[in-house]
Amino acid sequence: MEKTKGILYIILSACAFGIMPILAKLSYRGGANTYTTLFLRFFFAAIMLLYYLKSKGISMKLTRKQLFLVLIVGVFGFTFTTASLFMSYNYISIGMASMIFYTYPSIVTLLAYLVYKEKVYKRKIISLLISLVGIYILIDTGSVSFNLKGIILAGTATLLYSLYVLGASHKEFRNINSYVLTFYISCASAAVMFGAANFTSNFNIHISFYALVAILLLAFISTVVALMAFLEGVRIIGPSKASIYSIIEPIVGLILGTLILREPISARIVIGSIMIVLSVVVLTKE
């Protein structure tokens, strides 16, 4: 029962993260840029979480060691991942960046084996291979463009996110409430993005109401819900399984892109999605 609960948390997280590109595109249409969107996303998420924690009387105290680890994981594992991935889009296609990024379950599985001595079962390897083939089919390889700087940025995002997933399962985090953990990660991310926006002179608050609504939804759905569910799921089922289940995230994005943004759907998308779902089914039967 506990395992099923963990899987459902990760699926909820994947769905919440999956809507992120759609909401980001909607905010861009309303005049927001990447820096403004990311700063406001984390800032609003921190406010929402602070209100919840205070209203429920949940203690926000952390030991120095816990606070240090949260800041390291939040800044280097989450914030820099997002920044690196978004910057890679300036040099290579989204398809190429996605193909590189969604190899992170393989890296997490390897690191979990090396660091936590997590067992690597046959079904887990098969699931991983099926999901990688599914991702390859899913991404439009015809739009792929090669640029060393872009590939390095996307690769950096992949490695950092892998470390974030691994760090989220650290024993020091097990006694921290998931909402508290998400709050501190949001605060750290907001501070970093605010500094980056001002340093690069890209801080722009002249956005439409339409963009503001999209960012508020981004803060609640793709930050508060997504991060809390993911951290809780990793705590229950472990980092490697959590990363493989999370691979359904691009499917959610493609489906919502078709429904909301009227983006075209093709046989390639259908076949790739089926393979990714199949990889999750194989892992579930472990």
C-alpha atoms as a PDB file:
ATOM      1  CA  MET A   1       0.000   0.000   0.000  1.00  0.00           C
ATOM      2  CA  GLU A   2       2.837   2.357   0.903  1.00  0.00           C
ATOM      3  CA  LYS A   3       4.579   1.605  -2.427  1.00  0.00           C
ATOM      4  CA  THR A   4       1.364   2.390  -4.339  1.00  0.00           C
ATOM      5  CA  LYS A   5       1.087   5.660  -2.428  1.00  0.00           C
ATOM      6  CA  GLY A   6       4.652   6.549  -3.427  1.00  0.00           C
ATOM      7  CA  ILE A   7       3.969   5.746  -7.092  1.00  0.00           C
ATOM      8  CA  LEU A   8       0.819   7.901  -7.070  1.00  0.00           C
ATOM      9  CA  TYR A   9       2.817  10.806  -5.586  1.00  0.00           C
ATOM     10  CA  ILE A  10       5.359  10.558  -8.417  1.00  0.00           C
ATOM     11  CA  ILE A  11       2.623  10.335 -11.082  1.00  0.00           C
ATOM     12  CA  LEU A  12       0.927  13.411  -9.576  1.00  0.00           C
ATOM     13  CA  SER A  13       4.289  15.188  -9.618  1.00  0.00           C
ATOM     14  CA  ALA A  14       4.934  14.214 -13.250  1.00  0.00           C
ATOM     15  CA  CYS A  15       1.512  15.547 -14.284  1.00  0.00           C
ATOM     16  CA  ALA A  16       2.089  18.796 -12.380  1.00  0.00           C
ATOM     17  CA  PHE A  17       5.563  19.233 -13.916  1.00  0.00           C
ATOM     18  CA  GLY A  18       4.177  18.220 -17.317  1.00  0.00           C
ATOM     19  CA  ILE A  19       1.903  21.259 -17.475  1.00  0.00           C
ATOM     20  CA  MET A  20       4.871  23.569 -16.748  1.00  0.00           C
ATOM     21  CA  PRO A  21       5.937  24.217 -20.396  1.00  0.00           C
ATOM     22  CA  ILE A  22       2.335  25.082 -21.317  1.00  0.00           C
ATOM     23  CA  LEU A  23       1.968  27.614 -18.499  1.00  0.00           C
ATOM     24  CA  ALA A  24       5.433  29.018 -19.278  1.00  0.00           C
ATOM     25  CA  LYS A  25       4.464  29.565 -22.932  1.00  0.00           C
ATOM     26  CA  LEU A  26       1.248  31.281 -21.842  1.00  0.00           C
ATOM     27  CA  SER A  27       3.197  33.591 -19.515  1.00  0.00           C
ATOM     28  CA  TYR A  28       5.639  34.448 -22.340  1.00  0.00           C
ATOM     29  CA  ARG A  29       2.698  35.361 -24.563  1.00  0.00           C
ATOM     30  CA  GLY A  30       1.640  37.810 -21.861  1.00  0.00           C
ATOM     31  CA  GLY A  31       4.970  39.649 -21.921  1.00  0.00           C
ATOM     32  CA  ALA A  32       6.979  37.802 -19.250  1.00  0.00           C
ATOM     33  CA  ASN A  33      10.526  36.626 -19.932  1.00  0.00           C
ATOM     34  CA  THR A  34      12.313  33.563 -18.544  1.00  0.00           C
ATOM     35  CA  TYR A  35      13.901  35.350 -15.577  1.00  0.00           C
ATOM     36  CA  THR A  36      10.691  37.093 -14.501  1.00  0.00           C
ATOM     37  CA  THR A  37       8.639  33.922 -14.905  1.00  0.00           C
ATOM     38  CA  LEU A  38      11.020  31.791 -12.839  1.00  0.00           C
ATOM     39  CA  PHE A  39      11.477  34.398 -10.097  1.00  0.00           C
ATOM     40  CA  LEU A  40       7.723  35.027  -9.692  1.00  0.00           C
ATOM     41  CA  ARG A  41       7.018  31.288  -9.886  1.00  0.00           C
ATOM     42  CA  PHE A  42       9.235  30.525  -6.896  1.00  0.00           C
ATOM     43  CA  PHE A  43       8.327  33.743  -5.044  1.00  0.00           C
ATOM     44  CA  PHE A  44       4.570  33.074  -5.208  1.00  0.00           C
ATOM     45  CA  ALA A  45       5.136  29.414  -4.334  1.00  0.00           C
ATOM     46  CA  ALA A  46       7.075  30.439  -1.214  1.00  0.00           C
ATOM     47  CA  ILE A  47       4.241  32.789  -0.147  1.00  0.00           C
ATOM     48  CA  MET A  48       1.603  30.068  -0.672  1.00  0.00           C
ATOM     49  CA  LEU A  49       3.636  27.560   1.314  1.00  0.00           C
ATOM     50  CA  LEU A  50       4.384  30.038   4.121  1.00  0.00           C
ATOM     51  CA  TYR A  51       0.652  30.740   4.527  1.00  0.00           C
ATOM     52  CA  TYR A  52      -0.117  27.009   4.616  1.00  0.00           C
ATOM     53  CA  LEU A  53       2.644  26.193   7.107  1.00  0.00           C
ATOM     54  CA  LYS A  54       1.652  29.058   9.434  1.00  0.00           C
ATOM     55  CA  SER A  55      -2.076  28.263   9.260  1.00  0.00           C
ATOM     56  CA  LYS A  56      -1.423  24.606  10.082  1.00  0.00           C
ATOM     57  CA  GLY A  57       1.090  25.428  12.809  1.00  0.00           C
ATOM     58  CA  ILE A  58       3.787  23.283  11.185  1.00  0.00           C
ATOM     59  CA  SER A  59       7.277  23.861  12.565  1.00  0.00           C
ATOM     60  CA  MET A  60       9.722  25.286  10.026  1.00  0.00           C
ATOM     61  CA  LYS A  61      12.825  24.789  12.156  1.00  0.00           C
ATOM     62  CA  LEU A  62      15.761  22.993  10.581  1.00  0.00           C
ATOM     63  CA  THR A  63      19.159  22.078  11.961  1.00  0.00           C
ATOM     64  CA  ARG A  64      22.162  23.870  10.440  1.00  0.00           C
ATOM     65  CA  LYS A  65      23.115  20.717   8.568  1.00  0.00           C
ATOM     66  CA  GLN A  66      19.598  20.274   7.187  1.00  0.00           C
ATOM     67  CA  LEU A  67      19.388  23.924   6.122  1.00  0.00           C
ATOM     68  CA  PHE A  68      22.776  23.702   4.416  1.00  0.00           C
ATOM     69  CA  LEU A  69      21.767  20.548   2.505  1.00  0.00           C
ATOM     70  CA  VAL A  70      18.391  22.026   1.532  1.00  0.00           C
ATOM     71  CA  LEU A  71      20.057  25.146   0.120  1.00  0.00           C
ATOM     72  CA  ILE A  72      22.633  23.081  -1.784  1.00  0.00           C
ATOM     73  CA  VAL A  73      19.989  20.749  -3.233  1.00  0.00           C
ATOM     74  CA  GLY A  74      17.577  23.620  -3.922  1.00  0.00           C
ATOM     75  CA  VAL A  75      20.058  25.955  -5.612  1.00  0.00           C
ATOM     76  CA  PHE A  76      22.407  23.578  -7.409  1.00  0.00           C
ATOM     77  CA  GLY A  77      19.970  20.728  -7.944  1.00  0.00           C
ATOM     78  CA  PHE A  78      16.781  22.548  -8.868  1.00  0.00           C
ATOM     79  CA  THR A  79      17.375  26.206  -9.712  1.00  0.00           C
ATOM     80  CA  PHE A  80      20.514  25.690 -11.784  1.00  0.00           C
ATOM     81  CA  THR A  81      18.865  22.751 -13.537  1.00  0.00           C
ATOM     82  CA  THR A  82      16.027  24.971 -14.716  1.00  0.00           C
ATOM     83  CA  ALA A  83      18.370  27.808 -15.695  1.00  0.00           C
ATOM     84  CA  SER A  84      20.766  25.516 -17.613  1.00  0.00           C
ATOM     85  CA  LEU A  85      17.940  23.800 -19.478  1.00  0.00           C
ATOM     86  CA  PHE A  86      16.272  27.072 -20.449  1.00  0.00           C
ATOM     87  CA  MET A  87      19.605  28.531 -21.604  1.00  0.00           C
ATOM     88  CA  SER A  88      20.303  25.446 -23.731  1.00  0.00           C
ATOM     89  CA  TYR A  89      17.187  26.290 -25.780  1.00  0.00           C
ATOM     90  CA  ASN A  90      19.079  29.316 -27.126  1.00  0.00           C
ATOM     91  CA  TYR A  91      21.680  27.088 -28.779  1.00  0.00           C
ATOM     92  CA  ILE A  92      19.989  23.768 -29.609  1.00  0.00           C
ATOM     93  CA  SER A  93      16.442  22.701 -30.388  1.00  0.00           C
ATOM     94  CA  ILE A  94      14.008  21.843 -27.605  1.00  0.00           C
ATOM     95  CA  GLY A  95      13.934  18.328 -29.084  1.00  0.00           C
ATOM     96  CA  MET A  96      17.680  17.868 -28.715  1.00  0.00           C
ATOM     97  CA  ALA A  97      17.696  19.352 -25.206  1.00  0.00           C
ATOM     98  CA  SER A  98      14.824  17.061 -24.183  1.00  0.00           C
ATOM     99  CA  MET A  99      16.573  13.963 -25.534  1.00  0.00           C
ATOM    100  CA  ILE A 100      19.617  14.793 -23.422  1.00  0.00           C
ATOM    101  CA  PHE A 101      17.648  15.774 -20.313  1.00  0.00           C
ATOM    102  CA  TYR A 102      15.400  12.708 -20.187  1.00  0.00           C
ATOM    103  CA  THR A 103      18.404  10.417 -19.901  1.00  0.00           C
ATOM    104  CA  TYR A 104      18.525  11.444 -16.229  1.00  0.00           C
ATOM    105  CA  PRO A 105      16.740   8.276 -14.963  1.00  0.00           C
ATOM    106  CA  SER A 106      19.721   6.251 -16.240  1.00  0.00           C
ATOM    107  CA  ILE A 107      22.146   8.500 -14.362  1.00  0.00           C
ATOM    108  CA  VAL A 108      20.005   8.389 -11.207  1.00  0.00           C
ATOM    109  CA  THR A 109      19.819   4.580 -11.344  1.00  0.00           C
ATOM    110  CA  LEU A 110      23.608   4.357 -11.692  1.00  0.00           C
ATOM    111  CA  LEU A 111      24.290   6.896  -8.925  1.00  0.00           C
ATOM    112  CA  ALA A 112      21.731   5.279  -6.601  1.00  0.00           C
ATOM    113  CA  TYR A 113      23.577   1.985  -7.070  1.00  0.00           C
ATOM    114  CA  LEU A 114      26.991   3.554  -6.435  1.00  0.00           C
ATOM    115  CA  VAL A 115      26.027   5.865  -3.557  1.00  0.00           C
ATOM    116  CA  TYR A 116      23.099   4.161  -1.791  1.00  0.00           C
ATOM    117  CA  LYS A 117      23.829   0.587  -2.957  1.00  0.00           C
ATOM    118  CA  GLU A 118      20.264   0.453  -4.309  1.00  0.00           C
ATOM    119  CA  LYS A 119      19.638  -2.854  -6.068  1.00  0.00           C
ATOM    120  CA  VAL A 120      19.353  -2.807  -9.860  1.00  0.00           C
ATOM    121  CA  TYR A 121      16.758  -5.378 -10.905  1.00  0.00           C
ATOM    122  CA  LYS A 122      16.356  -6.819 -14.400  1.00  0.00           C
ATOM    123  CA  ARG A 123      12.894  -5.248 -14.770  1.00  0.00           C
ATOM    124  CA  LYS A 124      14.299  -1.844 -13.828  1.00  0.00           C
ATOM    125  CA  ILE A 125      16.934  -2.051 -16.593  1.00  0.00           C
ATOM    126  CA  ILE A 126      14.345  -3.202 -19.168  1.00  0.00           C
ATOM    127  CA  SER A 127      11.996  -0.398 -18.104  1.00  0.00           C
ATOM    128  CA  LEU A 128      14.817   2.108 -18.415  1.00  0.00           C
ATOM    129  CA  LEU A 129      15.756   0.964 -21.927  1.00  0.00           C
ATOM    130  CA  ILE A 130      12.128   1.028 -23.140  1.00  0.00           C
ATOM    131  CA  SER A 131      11.642   4.538 -21.740  1.00  0.00           C
ATOM    132  CA  LEU A 132      14.829   5.814 -23.448  1.00  0.00           C
ATOM    133  CA  VAL A 133      13.684   4.415 -26.818  1.00  0.00           C
ATOM    134  CA  GLY A 134      10.252   5.941 -26.199  1.00  0.00           C
ATOM    135  CA  ILE A 135      11.784   9.352 -25.497  1.00  0.00           C
ATOM    136  CA  TYR A 136      13.895   9.103 -28.672  1.00  0.00           C
ATOM    137  CA  ILE A 137      10.775   8.366 -30.744  1.00  0.00           C
ATOM    138  CA  LEU A 138       8.741  11.003 -28.933  1.00  0.00           C
ATOM    139  CA  ILE A 139      11.157  13.842 -29.654  1.00  0.00           C
ATOM    140  CA  ASP A 140      11.129  15.315 -33.148  1.00  0.00           C
ATOM    141  CA  THR A 141      14.619  14.357 -34.332  1.00  0.00           C
ATOM    142  CA  GLY A 142      14.027  16.294 -37.536  1.00  0.00           C
ATOM    143  CA  SER A 143      14.236  19.530 -35.549  1.00  0.00           C
ATOM    144  CA  VAL A 144      17.487  18.547 -33.820  1.00  0.00           C
ATOM    145  CA  SER A 145      20.344  21.037 -34.096  1.00  0.00           C
ATOM    146  CA  PHE A 146      23.878  20.481 -32.758  1.00  0.00           C
ATOM    147  CA  ASN A 147      25.828  23.115 -30.873  1.00  0.00           C
ATOM    148  CA  LEU A 148      28.532  22.240 -28.352  1.00  0.00           C
ATOM    149  CA  LYS A 149      27.567  24.999 -25.898  1.00  0.00           C
ATOM    150  CA  GLY A 150      23.905  23.974 -26.000  1.00  0.00           C
ATOM    151  CA  ILE A 151      24.755  20.296 -25.530  1.00  0.00           C
ATOM    152  CA  ILE A 152      27.002  21.124 -22.543  1.00  0.00           C
ATOM    153  CA  LEU A 153      24.230  23.225 -20.962  1.00  0.00           C
ATOM    154  CA  ALA A 154      21.611  20.493 -21.448  1.00  0.00           C
ATOM    155  CA  GLY A 155      24.082  17.892 -20.152  1.00  0.00           C
ATOM    156  CA  THR A 156      24.769  20.062 -17.109  1.00  0.00           C
ATOM    157  CA  ALA A 157      21.018  20.325 -16.442  1.00  0.00           C
ATOM    158  CA  THR A 158      20.720  16.539 -16.691  1.00  0.00           C
ATOM    159  CA  LEU A 159      23.565  15.890 -14.247  1.00  0.00           C
ATOM    160  CA  LEU A 160      22.366  18.528 -11.775  1.00  0.00           C
ATOM    161  CA  TYR A 161      18.804  17.191 -11.813  1.00  0.00           C
ATOM    162  CA  SER A 162      20.111  13.658 -11.293  1.00  0.00           C
ATOM    163  CA  LEU A 163      21.996  14.886  -8.225  1.00  0.00           C
ATOM    164  CA  TYR A 164      18.839  16.700  -7.062  1.00  0.00           C
ATOM    165  CA  VAL A 165      16.797  13.474  -7.262  1.00  0.00           C
ATOM    166  CA  LEU A 166      19.537  11.595  -5.434  1.00  0.00           C
ATOM    167  CA  GLY A 167      19.902  14.343  -2.815  1.00  0.00           C
ATOM    168  CA  ALA A 168      16.149  14.375  -2.174  1.00  0.00           C
ATOM    169  CA  SER A 169      16.420  10.842  -0.776  1.00  0.00           C
ATOM    170  CA  HIS A 170      19.211  11.764   1.665  1.00  0.00           C
ATOM    171  CA  LYS A 171      18.584  10.516   5.222  1.00  0.00           C
ATOM    172  CA  GLU A 172      18.675  14.102   6.568  1.00  0.00           C
ATOM    173  CA  PHE A 173      15.546  14.929   4.545  1.00  0.00           C
ATOM    174  CA  ARG A 174      13.452  12.026   5.803  1.00  0.00           C
ATOM    175  CA  ASN A 175      12.468  13.831   8.994  1.00  0.00           C
ATOM    176  CA  ILE A 176      11.635  17.105   7.246  1.00  0.00           C
ATOM    177  CA  ASN A 177       8.022  17.820   6.308  1.00  0.00           C
ATOM    178  CA  SER A 178       7.684  17.861   2.489  1.00  0.00           C
ATOM    179  CA  TYR A 179       5.930  21.252   2.570  1.00  0.00           C
ATOM    180  CA  VAL A 180       8.732  22.722   4.692  1.00  0.00           C
ATOM    181  CA  LEU A 181      11.329  21.287   2.315  1.00  0.00           C
ATOM    182  CA  THR A 182       9.496  22.681  -0.703  1.00  0.00           C
ATOM    183  CA  PHE A 183       9.214  26.088   1.020  1.00  0.00           C
ATOM    184  CA  TYR A 184      12.961  26.399   1.566  1.00  0.00           C
ATOM    185  CA  ILE A 185      13.765  25.185  -1.946  1.00  0.00           C
ATOM    186  CA  SER A 186      11.326  27.783  -3.354  1.00  0.00           C
ATOM    187  CA  CYS A 187      12.889  30.556  -1.247  1.00  0.00           C
ATOM    188  CA  ALA A 188      16.411  29.648  -2.375  1.00  0.00           C
ATOM    189  CA  SER A 189      15.321  29.432  -6.018  1.00  0.00           C
ATOM    190  CA  ALA A 190      13.494  32.771  -5.867  1.00  0.00           C
ATOM    191  CA  ALA A 191      16.555  34.493  -4.370  1.00  0.00           C
ATOM    192  CA  VAL A 192      18.881  33.070  -7.032  1.00  0.00           C
ATOM    193  CA  MET A 193      16.565  33.979  -9.928  1.00  0.00           C
ATOM    194  CA  PHE A 194      16.019  37.496  -8.546  1.00  0.00           C
ATOM    195  CA  GLY A 195      19.783  38.006  -8.388  1.00  0.00           C
ATOM    196  CA  ALA A 196      20.280  36.576 -11.874  1.00  0.00           C
ATOM    197  CA  ALA A 197      17.488  38.732 -13.334  1.00  0.00           C
ATOM    198  CA  ASN A 198      18.964  41.914 -11.895  1.00  0.00           C
ATOM    199  CA  PHE A 199      22.548  40.983 -12.748  1.00  0.00           C
ATOM    200  CA  THR A 200      21.597  40.425 -16.400  1.00  0.00           C
ATOM    201  CA  SER A 201      19.167  43.386 -16.460  1.00  0.00           C
ATOM    202  CA  ASN A 202      16.312  41.066 -17.426  1.00  0.00           C
ATOM    203  CA  PHE A 203      13.948  41.791 -14.559  1.00  0.00           C
ATOM    204  CA  ASN A 204      10.630  42.836 -16.083  1.00  0.00           C
ATOM    205  CA  ILE A 205       7.413  43.242 -14.067  1.00  0.00           C
ATOM    206  CA  HIS A 206       5.444  44.900 -16.874  1.00  0.00           C
ATOM    207  CA  ILE A 207       3.408  41.836 -17.729  1.00  0.00           C
ATOM    208  CA  SER A 208      -0.256  41.314 -18.541  1.00  0.00           C
ATOM    209  CA  PHE A 209      -2.893  39.974 -16.142  1.00  0.00           C
ATOM    210  CA  TYR A 210      -3.037  36.930 -18.421  1.00  0.00           C
ATOM    211  CA  ALA A 211       0.663  36.227 -17.794  1.00  0.00           C
ATOM    212  CA  LEU A 212       0.276  36.788 -14.047  1.00  0.00           C
ATOM    213  CA  VAL A 213      -2.491  34.170 -13.843  1.00  0.00           C
ATOM    214  CA  ALA A 214      -0.316  31.693 -15.781  1.00  0.00           C
ATOM    215  CA  ILE A 215       2.585  32.306 -13.370  1.00  0.00           C
ATOM    216  CA  LEU A 216       0.338  31.891 -10.311  1.00  0.00           C
ATOM    217  CA  LEU A 217      -0.827  28.536 -11.704  1.00  0.00           C
ATOM    218  CA  LEU A 218       2.801  27.696 -12.424  1.00  0.00           C
ATOM    219  CA  ALA A 219       3.658  28.480  -8.795  1.00  0.00           C
ATOM    220  CA  PHE A 220       0.858  26.365  -7.341  1.00  0.00           C
ATOM    221  CA  ILE A 221       0.641  23.407  -9.747  1.00  0.00           C
ATOM    222  CA  SER A 222       4.186  23.063 -11.098  1.00  0.00           C
ATOM    223  CA  THR A 223       6.015  24.110  -7.938  1.00  0.00           C
ATOM    224  CA  VAL A 224       4.046  23.584  -4.718  1.00  0.00           C
ATOM    225  CA  VAL A 225       2.146  20.451  -5.801  1.00  0.00           C
ATOM    226  CA  ALA A 226       4.879  19.079  -8.091  1.00  0.00           C
ATOM    227  CA  LEU A 227       7.796  19.480  -5.679  1.00  0.00           C
ATOM    228  CA  MET A 228       5.888  18.316  -2.599  1.00  0.00           C
ATOM    229  CA  ALA A 229       4.569  15.205  -4.368  1.00  0.00           C
ATOM    230  CA  PHE A 230       7.962  14.397  -5.882  1.00  0.00           C
ATOM    231  CA  LEU A 231       9.854  14.710  -2.590  1.00  0.00           C
ATOM    232  CA  GLU A 232       7.264  12.565  -0.823  1.00  0.00           C
ATOM    233  CA  GLY A 233       7.388   9.967  -3.598  1.00  0.00           C
ATOM    234  CA  VAL A 234      11.197   9.760  -3.569  1.00  0.00           C
ATOM    235  CA  ARG A 235      11.070   9.293   0.192  1.00  0.00           C
ATOM    236  CA  ILE A 236       8.764   6.281  -0.201  1.00  0.00           C
ATOM    237  CA  ILE A 237       9.976   4.424  -3.336  1.00  0.00           C
ATOM    238  CA  GLY A 238      13.555   5.667  -3.731  1.00  0.00           C
ATOM    239  CA  PRO A 239      15.337   7.863  -6.315  1.00  0.00           C
ATOM    240  CA  SER A 240      15.795   5.470  -9.264  1.00  0.00           C
ATOM    241  CA  LYS A 241      12.187   4.237  -9.386  1.00  0.00           C
ATOM    242  CA  ALA A 242      10.909   7.778  -8.878  1.00  0.00           C
ATOM    243  CA  SER A 243      12.973   9.055 -11.815  1.00  0.00           C
ATOM    244  CA  ILE A 244      11.693   6.297 -14.123  1.00  0.00           C
ATOM    245  CA  TYR A 245       8.041   6.882 -13.184  1.00  0.00           C
ATOM    246  CA  SER A 246       8.606  10.606 -13.785  1.00  0.00           C
ATOM    247  CA  ILE A 247       9.342   9.862 -17.436  1.00  0.00           C
ATOM    248  CA  ILE A 248       5.598  10.205 -18.168  1.00  0.00           C
ATOM    249  CA  GLU A 249       6.070  13.961 -17.732  1.00  0.00           C
ATOM    250  CA  PRO A 250       6.706  14.730 -21.458  1.00  0.00           C
ATOM    251  CA  ILE A 251       3.559  12.782 -22.395  1.00  0.00           C
ATOM    252  CA  VAL A 252       1.485  15.056 -20.168  1.00  0.00           C
ATOM    253  CA  GLY A 253       3.120  18.092 -21.785  1.00  0.00           C
ATOM    254  CA  LEU A 254       2.390  16.829 -25.304  1.00  0.00           C
ATOM    255  CA  ILE A 255      -1.247  15.991 -24.521  1.00  0.00           C
ATOM    256  CA  LEU A 256      -1.863  19.372 -22.891  1.00  0.00           C
ATOM    257  CA  GLY A 257      -0.006  21.108 -25.723  1.00  0.00           C
ATOM    258  CA  THR A 258      -2.420  19.505 -28.174  1.00  0.00           C
ATOM    259  CA  LEU A 259      -5.522  20.330 -26.118  1.00  0.00           C
ATOM    260  CA  ILE A 260      -4.621  23.852 -24.953  1.00  0.00           C
ATOM    261  CA  LEU A 261      -2.159  25.233 -27.506  1.00  0.00           C
ATOM    262  CA  ARG A 262      -3.581  23.250 -30.459  1.00  0.00           C
ATOM    263  CA  GLU A 263      -0.173  21.775 -31.214  1.00  0.00           C
ATOM    264  CA  PRO A 264      -0.275  18.955 -33.829  1.00  0.00           C
ATOM    265  CA  ILE A 265      -0.178  15.276 -32.816  1.00  0.00           C
ATOM    266  CA  SER A 266       1.424  12.539 -34.931  1.00  0.00           C
ATOM    267  CA  ALA A 267       1.989   8.787 -35.057  1.00  0.00           C
ATOM    268  CA  ARG A 268       5.481   9.384 -33.670  1.00  0.00           C
ATOM    269  CA  ILE A 269       4.000  11.005 -30.566  1.00  0.00           C
ATOM    270  CA  VAL A 270       1.476   8.186 -30.090  1.00  0.00           C
ATOM    271  CA  ILE A 271       4.087   5.397 -30.479  1.00  0.00           C
ATOM    272  CA  GLY A 272       6.622   7.136 -28.202  1.00  0.00           C
ATOM    273  CA  SER A 273       3.966   7.729 -25.551  1.00  0.00           C
ATOM    274  CA  ILE A 274       2.859   4.074 -25.649  1.00  0.00           C
ATOM    275  CA  MET A 275       6.447   2.920 -25.124  1.00  0.00           C
ATOM    276  CA  ILE A 276       6.908   5.225 -22.141  1.00  0.00           C
ATOM    277  CA  VAL A 277       3.664   3.986 -20.576  1.00  0.00           C
ATOM    278  CA  LEU A 278       4.840   0.416 -21.255  1.00  0.00           C
ATOM    279  CA  SER A 279       8.119   1.122 -19.434  1.00  0.00           C
ATOM    280  CA  VAL A 280       6.136   2.273 -16.384  1.00  0.00           C
ATOM    281  CA  VAL A 281       3.939  -0.858 -16.536  1.00  0.00           C
ATOM    282  CA  VAL A 282       7.052  -3.085 -16.652  1.00  0.00           C
ATOM    283  CA  LEU A 283       8.502  -1.332 -13.589  1.00  0.00           C
ATOM    284  CA  THR A 284       5.186  -1.495 -11.710  1.00  0.00           C
ATOM    285  CA  LYS A 285       5.121  -5.291 -12.051  1.00  0.00           C
ATOM    286  CA  GLU A 286       8.501  -5.569 -10.334  1.00  0.00           C
END
